[in-house]
């Protein structure tokens, strides 16, 4: 299992479409964002959050954690290891929820309840992925793309918020600061997405090749580590 991460508007959905088209051996699992962007619950929870984060942060982040954890646990039990999942319980917690807490969007009791569930899921239920693929772009580029796609739920997004989410992605995936020990050694592939890779086919090709090589290399490394570990305890391979 691999996880695709990145800021809002960086191009995750577009990149996954290209993976599906050009690297069909990789199975794609998109973010279940319909659960919080559409009217499934009679209203868009994401739009509500952007308008009134103090009221909706706990509701949105708890629902997102439940949906992502269900997908993660399901996929980690599948035989096919070449699955690329859009976003994860990790970025949900280390980027979006923690950012909300730092901004005072949670009451203390909401944060305590959320954290109990998050710690249980991250340390006891979700096995670490083989690798993270981080699509990286400046917040300025991301907000330009957000305005261009014109989603109703994102009209209240601000540059300040995108800068905060960018900061937490860097802290989580590059500095690996204050994250659970289970994912500190998970390799990260960083793809520079400041340029539009749909308009520049050479950049798209480079991203696809790097992704393919990254998955092949980390899969092989994991297999070799398993062989070494099994030999160390005297098992016959």
C-alpha atoms as a PDB file:
ATOM      1  CA  UNK A   1       0.000   0.000   0.000  1.00  0.00           C
ATOM      2  CA  UNK A   2       1.200   3.487  -0.947  1.00  0.00           C
ATOM      3  CA  UNK A   3      -0.280   6.847   0.001  1.00  0.00           C
ATOM      4  CA  UNK A   4      -0.504  10.000  -2.100  1.00  0.00           C
ATOM      5  CA  UNK A   5      -0.336  13.193  -0.055  1.00  0.00           C
ATOM      6  CA  UNK A   6      -0.338  16.913  -0.788  1.00  0.00           C
ATOM      7  CA  UNK A   7      -1.996  20.240  -0.111  1.00  0.00           C
ATOM      8  CA  UNK A   8      -5.463  21.208  -1.326  1.00  0.00           C
ATOM      9  CA  UNK A   9      -5.279  22.102  -5.021  1.00  0.00           C
ATOM     10  CA  UNK A  10      -1.865  20.543  -5.652  1.00  0.00           C
ATOM     11  CA  UNK A  11      -3.238  18.160  -8.302  1.00  0.00           C
ATOM     12  CA  UNK A  12      -3.771  14.833  -6.540  1.00  0.00           C
ATOM     13  CA  UNK A  13      -6.925  13.844  -8.441  1.00  0.00           C
ATOM     14  CA  UNK A  14      -5.365  14.812 -11.772  1.00  0.00           C
ATOM     15  CA  UNK A  15      -2.212  12.858 -10.989  1.00  0.00           C
ATOM     16  CA  UNK A  16      -4.211   9.771 -10.027  1.00  0.00           C
ATOM     17  CA  UNK A  17      -6.059   9.952 -13.341  1.00  0.00           C
ATOM     18  CA  UNK A  18      -2.703   9.851 -15.130  1.00  0.00           C
ATOM     19  CA  UNK A  19      -1.513   6.944 -12.971  1.00  0.00           C
ATOM     20  CA  UNK A  20      -4.665   5.018 -13.840  1.00  0.00           C
ATOM     21  CA  UNK A  21      -4.198   5.757 -17.543  1.00  0.00           C
ATOM     22  CA  UNK A  22      -0.451   5.140 -17.839  1.00  0.00           C
ATOM     23  CA  UNK A  23       0.397   2.724 -15.011  1.00  0.00           C
ATOM     24  CA  UNK A  24      -2.585   0.330 -14.944  1.00  0.00           C
ATOM     25  CA  UNK A  25      -0.685  -2.134 -12.747  1.00  0.00           C
ATOM     26  CA  UNK A  26      -1.177   0.320  -9.871  1.00  0.00           C
ATOM     27  CA  UNK A  27      -4.618   0.184  -8.282  1.00  0.00           C
ATOM     28  CA  UNK A  28      -6.100   3.565  -7.343  1.00  0.00           C
ATOM     29  CA  UNK A  29      -8.251   4.363  -4.329  1.00  0.00           C
ATOM     30  CA  UNK A  30      -9.524   7.935  -4.315  1.00  0.00           C
ATOM     31  CA  UNK A  31     -10.308   9.975  -1.229  1.00  0.00           C
ATOM     32  CA  UNK A  32     -13.914   9.427  -0.034  1.00  0.00           C
ATOM     33  CA  UNK A  33     -14.491  13.172  -0.115  1.00  0.00           C
ATOM     34  CA  UNK A  34     -18.092  12.819  -1.306  1.00  0.00           C
ATOM     35  CA  UNK A  35     -18.859  11.964   2.317  1.00  0.00           C
ATOM     36  CA  UNK A  36     -17.998  15.488   3.402  1.00  0.00           C
ATOM     37  CA  UNK A  37     -18.260  17.624   0.237  1.00  0.00           C
ATOM     38  CA  UNK A  38     -21.731  16.647  -0.989  1.00  0.00           C
ATOM     39  CA  UNK A  39     -25.187  16.661   0.531  1.00  0.00           C
ATOM     40  CA  UNK A  40     -25.050  13.093   1.877  1.00  0.00           C
ATOM     41  CA  UNK A  41     -25.821  14.375   5.372  1.00  0.00           C
ATOM     42  CA  UNK A  42     -28.143  17.099   4.118  1.00  0.00           C
ATOM     43  CA  UNK A  43     -25.326  19.625   3.884  1.00  0.00           C
ATOM     44  CA  UNK A  44     -21.694  19.930   2.789  1.00  0.00           C
ATOM     45  CA  UNK A  45     -19.605  19.453   5.922  1.00  0.00           C
ATOM     46  CA  UNK A  46     -16.512  20.790   4.153  1.00  0.00           C
ATOM     47  CA  UNK A  47     -18.267  23.982   3.097  1.00  0.00           C
ATOM     48  CA  UNK A  48     -19.636  24.352   6.620  1.00  0.00           C
ATOM     49  CA  UNK A  49     -16.122  23.929   8.025  1.00  0.00           C
ATOM     50  CA  UNK A  50     -14.594  26.618   5.806  1.00  0.00           C
ATOM     51  CA  UNK A  51     -17.364  29.043   6.829  1.00  0.00           C
ATOM     52  CA  UNK A  52     -17.375  28.210  10.553  1.00  0.00           C
ATOM     53  CA  UNK A  53     -14.375  26.046  11.549  1.00  0.00           C
ATOM     54  CA  UNK A  54     -14.952  26.355  15.304  1.00  0.00           C
ATOM     55  CA  UNK A  55     -18.374  24.741  14.923  1.00  0.00           C
ATOM     56  CA  UNK A  56     -17.526  22.049  12.372  1.00  0.00           C
ATOM     57  CA  UNK A  57     -13.859  21.015  12.857  1.00  0.00           C
ATOM     58  CA  UNK A  58     -14.576  18.161  15.262  1.00  0.00           C
ATOM     59  CA  UNK A  59     -17.465  16.828  13.139  1.00  0.00           C
ATOM     60  CA  UNK A  60     -15.508  16.974   9.876  1.00  0.00           C
ATOM     61  CA  UNK A  61     -12.219  15.559  11.167  1.00  0.00           C
ATOM     62  CA  UNK A  62     -13.927  12.726  13.035  1.00  0.00           C
ATOM     63  CA  UNK A  63     -15.888  11.693   9.944  1.00  0.00           C
ATOM     64  CA  UNK A  64     -12.772  11.953   7.747  1.00  0.00           C
ATOM     65  CA  UNK A  65     -10.793   9.805  10.190  1.00  0.00           C
ATOM     66  CA  UNK A  66     -13.494   7.116  10.240  1.00  0.00           C
ATOM     67  CA  UNK A  67     -13.734   6.967   6.421  1.00  0.00           C
ATOM     68  CA  UNK A  68      -9.962   6.930   5.881  1.00  0.00           C
ATOM     69  CA  UNK A  69      -9.351   4.347   8.604  1.00  0.00           C
ATOM     70  CA  UNK A  70     -11.955   2.007   7.076  1.00  0.00           C
ATOM     71  CA  UNK A  71     -10.284   2.253   3.654  1.00  0.00           C
ATOM     72  CA  UNK A  72      -6.790   1.834   5.128  1.00  0.00           C
ATOM     73  CA  UNK A  73      -7.678  -1.262   7.159  1.00  0.00           C
ATOM     74  CA  UNK A  74      -9.493  -2.817   4.203  1.00  0.00           C
ATOM     75  CA  UNK A  75      -6.573  -2.275   1.821  1.00  0.00           C
ATOM     76  CA  UNK A  76      -3.844  -3.414   4.228  1.00  0.00           C
ATOM     77  CA  UNK A  77      -5.550  -6.812   4.348  1.00  0.00           C
ATOM     78  CA  UNK A  78      -5.634  -7.216   0.554  1.00  0.00           C
ATOM     79  CA  UNK A  79      -3.077  -9.304  -1.325  1.00  0.00           C
ATOM     80  CA  UNK A  80      -2.404  -6.613  -3.923  1.00  0.00           C
ATOM     81  CA  UNK A  81       0.325  -4.378  -2.443  1.00  0.00           C
ATOM     82  CA  UNK A  82       0.433  -1.951  -5.395  1.00  0.00           C
ATOM     83  CA  UNK A  83      -2.463   0.188  -4.217  1.00  0.00           C
ATOM     84  CA  UNK A  84      -2.129   3.969  -4.206  1.00  0.00           C
ATOM     85  CA  UNK A  85      -4.500   5.692  -1.768  1.00  0.00           C
ATOM     86  CA  UNK A  86      -5.375   9.371  -1.984  1.00  0.00           C
ATOM     87  CA  UNK A  87      -4.671  10.953   1.417  1.00  0.00           C
ATOM     88  CA  UNK A  88      -4.687   9.036   4.673  1.00  0.00           C
ATOM     89  CA  UNK A  89      -5.400   8.898   8.376  1.00  0.00           C
ATOM     90  CA  UNK A  90      -1.872  10.275   8.826  1.00  0.00           C
ATOM     91  CA  UNK A  91      -2.300  13.548   6.929  1.00  0.00           C
ATOM     92  CA  UNK A  92      -5.830  13.804   8.292  1.00  0.00           C
ATOM     93  CA  UNK A  93      -4.365  13.859  11.776  1.00  0.00           C
ATOM     94  CA  UNK A  94      -0.902  15.432  11.378  1.00  0.00           C
ATOM     95  CA  UNK A  95      -1.936  18.133   8.895  1.00  0.00           C
ATOM     96  CA  UNK A  96      -5.630  18.962   9.123  1.00  0.00           C
ATOM     97  CA  UNK A  97      -6.721  18.020  12.643  1.00  0.00           C
ATOM     98  CA  UNK A  98      -3.593  19.281  14.403  1.00  0.00           C
ATOM     99  CA  UNK A  99      -3.820  22.504  12.394  1.00  0.00           C
ATOM    100  CA  UNK A 100      -7.398  22.875  13.577  1.00  0.00           C
ATOM    101  CA  UNK A 101      -6.348  22.345  17.164  1.00  0.00           C
ATOM    102  CA  UNK A 102      -3.537  24.906  16.865  1.00  0.00           C
ATOM    103  CA  UNK A 103      -6.048  27.432  15.529  1.00  0.00           C
ATOM    104  CA  UNK A 104      -8.481  26.826  18.370  1.00  0.00           C
ATOM    105  CA  UNK A 105     -11.145  25.171  16.222  1.00  0.00           C
ATOM    106  CA  UNK A 106     -11.663  22.354  18.756  1.00  0.00           C
ATOM    107  CA  UNK A 107     -12.865  22.725  22.318  1.00  0.00           C
ATOM    108  CA  UNK A 108     -10.586  20.938  24.765  1.00  0.00           C
ATOM    109  CA  UNK A 109     -13.052  18.105  25.308  1.00  0.00           C
ATOM    110  CA  UNK A 110     -13.508  17.674  21.543  1.00  0.00           C
ATOM    111  CA  UNK A 111      -9.742  17.470  21.096  1.00  0.00           C
ATOM    112  CA  UNK A 112      -9.385  14.941  23.906  1.00  0.00           C
ATOM    113  CA  UNK A 113     -12.073  12.690  22.412  1.00  0.00           C
ATOM    114  CA  UNK A 114     -10.697  13.002  18.879  1.00  0.00           C
ATOM    115  CA  UNK A 115      -7.152  12.275  20.085  1.00  0.00           C
ATOM    116  CA  UNK A 116      -8.192   9.097  21.894  1.00  0.00           C
ATOM    117  CA  UNK A 117      -9.610   7.700  18.677  1.00  0.00           C
ATOM    118  CA  UNK A 118      -6.709   8.958  16.543  1.00  0.00           C
ATOM    119  CA  UNK A 119      -4.051   7.418  18.812  1.00  0.00           C
ATOM    120  CA  UNK A 120      -5.901   4.101  18.893  1.00  0.00           C
ATOM    121  CA  UNK A 121      -6.276   3.976  15.097  1.00  0.00           C
ATOM    122  CA  UNK A 122      -2.744   5.147  14.249  1.00  0.00           C
ATOM    123  CA  UNK A 123      -0.934   2.879  16.716  1.00  0.00           C
ATOM    124  CA  UNK A 124      -3.169  -0.199  16.877  1.00  0.00           C
ATOM    125  CA  UNK A 125      -5.223  -0.523  13.702  1.00  0.00           C
ATOM    126  CA  UNK A 126      -3.379   0.954  10.715  1.00  0.00           C
ATOM    127  CA  UNK A 127      -0.210  -0.734   9.512  1.00  0.00           C
ATOM    128  CA  UNK A 128       2.338   1.657   7.954  1.00  0.00           C
ATOM    129  CA  UNK A 129       2.333   1.958   4.140  1.00  0.00           C
ATOM    130  CA  UNK A 130       5.275   0.937   1.973  1.00  0.00           C
ATOM    131  CA  UNK A 131       5.776   4.560   1.025  1.00  0.00           C
ATOM    132  CA  UNK A 132       4.366   8.064   0.742  1.00  0.00           C
ATOM    133  CA  UNK A 133       4.266  10.020  -2.519  1.00  0.00           C
ATOM    134  CA  UNK A 134       4.195  13.740  -1.727  1.00  0.00           C
ATOM    135  CA  UNK A 135       2.975  16.126  -4.417  1.00  0.00           C
ATOM    136  CA  UNK A 136       4.542  19.421  -3.433  1.00  0.00           C
ATOM    137  CA  UNK A 137       3.656  22.917  -4.673  1.00  0.00           C
ATOM    138  CA  UNK A 138       3.665  26.386  -3.170  1.00  0.00           C
ATOM    139  CA  UNK A 139       0.445  27.614  -1.526  1.00  0.00           C
ATOM    140  CA  UNK A 140       0.333  30.362  -4.172  1.00  0.00           C
ATOM    141  CA  UNK A 141       0.175  27.772  -6.961  1.00  0.00           C
ATOM    142  CA  UNK A 142      -2.407  25.731  -5.056  1.00  0.00           C
ATOM    143  CA  UNK A 143      -4.784  28.647  -4.551  1.00  0.00           C
ATOM    144  CA  UNK A 144      -4.569  29.559  -8.247  1.00  0.00           C
ATOM    145  CA  UNK A 145      -5.631  26.028  -9.139  1.00  0.00           C
ATOM    146  CA  UNK A 146      -8.409  26.070  -6.550  1.00  0.00           C
ATOM    147  CA  UNK A 147      -9.827  29.281  -8.011  1.00  0.00           C
ATOM    148  CA  UNK A 148      -9.596  27.860 -11.521  1.00  0.00           C
ATOM    149  CA  UNK A 149     -11.551  24.684 -10.717  1.00  0.00           C
ATOM    150  CA  UNK A 150     -14.183  26.709  -8.860  1.00  0.00           C
ATOM    151  CA  UNK A 151     -15.617  24.169  -6.444  1.00  0.00           C
ATOM    152  CA  UNK A 152     -18.484  25.606  -4.406  1.00  0.00           C
ATOM    153  CA  UNK A 153     -17.249  24.036  -1.161  1.00  0.00           C
ATOM    154  CA  UNK A 154     -13.838  25.764  -1.529  1.00  0.00           C
ATOM    155  CA  UNK A 155     -14.968  29.351  -2.094  1.00  0.00           C
ATOM    156  CA  UNK A 156     -14.156  30.308   1.494  1.00  0.00           C
ATOM    157  CA  UNK A 157     -10.600  28.921   1.382  1.00  0.00           C
ATOM    158  CA  UNK A 158      -7.889  31.447   2.203  1.00  0.00           C
ATOM    159  CA  UNK A 159      -4.205  31.720   1.417  1.00  0.00           C
ATOM    160  CA  UNK A 160      -3.483  31.736   5.147  1.00  0.00           C
ATOM    161  CA  UNK A 161      -5.133  28.350   5.555  1.00  0.00           C
ATOM    162  CA  UNK A 162      -3.242  26.833   2.589  1.00  0.00           C
ATOM    163  CA  UNK A 163       0.043  28.111   4.028  1.00  0.00           C
ATOM    164  CA  UNK A 164      -0.759  26.411   7.314  1.00  0.00           C
ATOM    165  CA  UNK A 165      -1.608  23.094   5.636  1.00  0.00           C
ATOM    166  CA  UNK A 166       1.587  23.333   3.565  1.00  0.00           C
ATOM    167  CA  UNK A 167       3.602  23.844   6.757  1.00  0.00           C
ATOM    168  CA  UNK A 168       2.116  20.727   8.379  1.00  0.00           C
ATOM    169  CA  UNK A 169       2.742  18.589   5.293  1.00  0.00           C
ATOM    170  CA  UNK A 170       6.403  19.615   5.355  1.00  0.00           C
ATOM    171  CA  UNK A 171       6.635  18.865   9.064  1.00  0.00           C
ATOM    172  CA  UNK A 172       4.956  15.483   8.641  1.00  0.00           C
ATOM    173  CA  UNK A 173       6.569  14.170   5.442  1.00  0.00           C
ATOM    174  CA  UNK A 174       9.973  15.885   5.233  1.00  0.00           C
ATOM    175  CA  UNK A 175      11.013  16.749   8.789  1.00  0.00           C
ATOM    176  CA  UNK A 176       9.047  13.781  10.222  1.00  0.00           C
ATOM    177  CA  UNK A 177       8.653  15.754  13.405  1.00  0.00           C
ATOM    178  CA  UNK A 178       6.327  14.600  16.208  1.00  0.00           C
ATOM    179  CA  UNK A 179       4.824  11.679  14.299  1.00  0.00           C
ATOM    180  CA  UNK A 180       4.257   8.114  15.441  1.00  0.00           C
ATOM    181  CA  UNK A 181       7.335   5.866  15.385  1.00  0.00           C
ATOM    182  CA  UNK A 182       5.569   3.398  13.104  1.00  0.00           C
ATOM    183  CA  UNK A 183       5.866   5.710  10.086  1.00  0.00           C
ATOM    184  CA  UNK A 184       9.139   7.548  10.751  1.00  0.00           C
ATOM    185  CA  UNK A 185      11.105   5.164   8.544  1.00  0.00           C
ATOM    186  CA  UNK A 186       8.561   4.997   5.729  1.00  0.00           C
ATOM    187  CA  UNK A 187      10.241   6.327   2.538  1.00  0.00           C
ATOM    188  CA  UNK A 188       8.849   9.450   0.879  1.00  0.00           C
ATOM    189  CA  UNK A 189       8.966  10.319  -2.835  1.00  0.00           C
ATOM    190  CA  UNK A 190       8.701  14.088  -3.361  1.00  0.00           C
ATOM    191  CA  UNK A 191       7.402  15.304  -6.730  1.00  0.00           C
ATOM    192  CA  UNK A 192       7.655  19.011  -7.537  1.00  0.00           C
ATOM    193  CA  UNK A 193       4.233  20.008  -8.873  1.00  0.00           C
ATOM    194  CA  UNK A 194       4.671  23.757  -9.229  1.00  0.00           C
ATOM    195  CA  UNK A 195       4.521  23.318 -12.994  1.00  0.00           C
ATOM    196  CA  UNK A 196       1.370  21.986 -14.632  1.00  0.00           C
ATOM    197  CA  UNK A 197       2.267  18.404 -15.534  1.00  0.00           C
ATOM    198  CA  UNK A 198      -0.759  18.052 -17.819  1.00  0.00           C
ATOM    199  CA  UNK A 199       0.424  20.926 -19.990  1.00  0.00           C
ATOM    200  CA  UNK A 200       4.040  19.735 -19.845  1.00  0.00           C
ATOM    201  CA  UNK A 201       4.179  16.102 -20.938  1.00  0.00           C
ATOM    202  CA  UNK A 202       7.903  15.825 -20.192  1.00  0.00           C
ATOM    203  CA  UNK A 203       7.285  16.643 -16.532  1.00  0.00           C
ATOM    204  CA  UNK A 204       4.367  14.203 -16.449  1.00  0.00           C
ATOM    205  CA  UNK A 205       6.579  11.470 -17.870  1.00  0.00           C
ATOM    206  CA  UNK A 206       9.269  12.189 -15.267  1.00  0.00           C
ATOM    207  CA  UNK A 207       6.703  12.004 -12.450  1.00  0.00           C
ATOM    208  CA  UNK A 208       5.314   8.708 -13.758  1.00  0.00           C
ATOM    209  CA  UNK A 209       8.770   7.162 -14.143  1.00  0.00           C
ATOM    210  CA  UNK A 210       9.800   8.269 -10.657  1.00  0.00           C
ATOM    211  CA  UNK A 211       6.581   6.854  -9.212  1.00  0.00           C
ATOM    212  CA  UNK A 212       7.002   3.533 -10.984  1.00  0.00           C
ATOM    213  CA  UNK A 213      10.650   3.241  -9.900  1.00  0.00           C
ATOM    214  CA  UNK A 214       9.811   4.230  -6.331  1.00  0.00           C
ATOM    215  CA  UNK A 215       7.142   1.549  -6.021  1.00  0.00           C
ATOM    216  CA  UNK A 216       9.346  -1.109  -7.587  1.00  0.00           C
ATOM    217  CA  UNK A 217      12.320  -0.215  -5.390  1.00  0.00           C
ATOM    218  CA  UNK A 218      10.400  -0.067  -2.109  1.00  0.00           C
ATOM    219  CA  UNK A 219       8.551  -3.293  -2.898  1.00  0.00           C
ATOM    220  CA  UNK A 220      11.854  -5.058  -3.565  1.00  0.00           C
ATOM    221  CA  UNK A 221      13.426  -3.597  -0.415  1.00  0.00           C
ATOM    222  CA  UNK A 222      10.518  -4.802   1.691  1.00  0.00           C
ATOM    223  CA  UNK A 223      10.786  -8.286   0.165  1.00  0.00           C
ATOM    224  CA  UNK A 224      14.525  -8.427   0.855  1.00  0.00           C
ATOM    225  CA  UNK A 225      14.046  -7.239   4.422  1.00  0.00           C
ATOM    226  CA  UNK A 226      11.432  -9.944   4.928  1.00  0.00           C
ATOM    227  CA  UNK A 227      13.815 -12.614   3.623  1.00  0.00           C
ATOM    228  CA  UNK A 228      16.627 -11.415   5.898  1.00  0.00           C
ATOM    229  CA  UNK A 229      14.322 -11.266   8.889  1.00  0.00           C
ATOM    230  CA  UNK A 230      12.943 -14.755   8.242  1.00  0.00           C
ATOM    231  CA  UNK A 231      16.450 -16.202   7.817  1.00  0.00           C
ATOM    232  CA  UNK A 232      17.531 -14.603  11.063  1.00  0.00           C
ATOM    233  CA  UNK A 233      14.867 -16.520  12.963  1.00  0.00           C
ATOM    234  CA  UNK A 234      15.669 -19.791  11.239  1.00  0.00           C
ATOM    235  CA  UNK A 235      12.749 -20.129   8.840  1.00  0.00           C
ATOM    236  CA  UNK A 236      13.035 -21.816   5.454  1.00  0.00           C
ATOM    237  CA  UNK A 237      12.049 -19.520   2.609  1.00  0.00           C
END
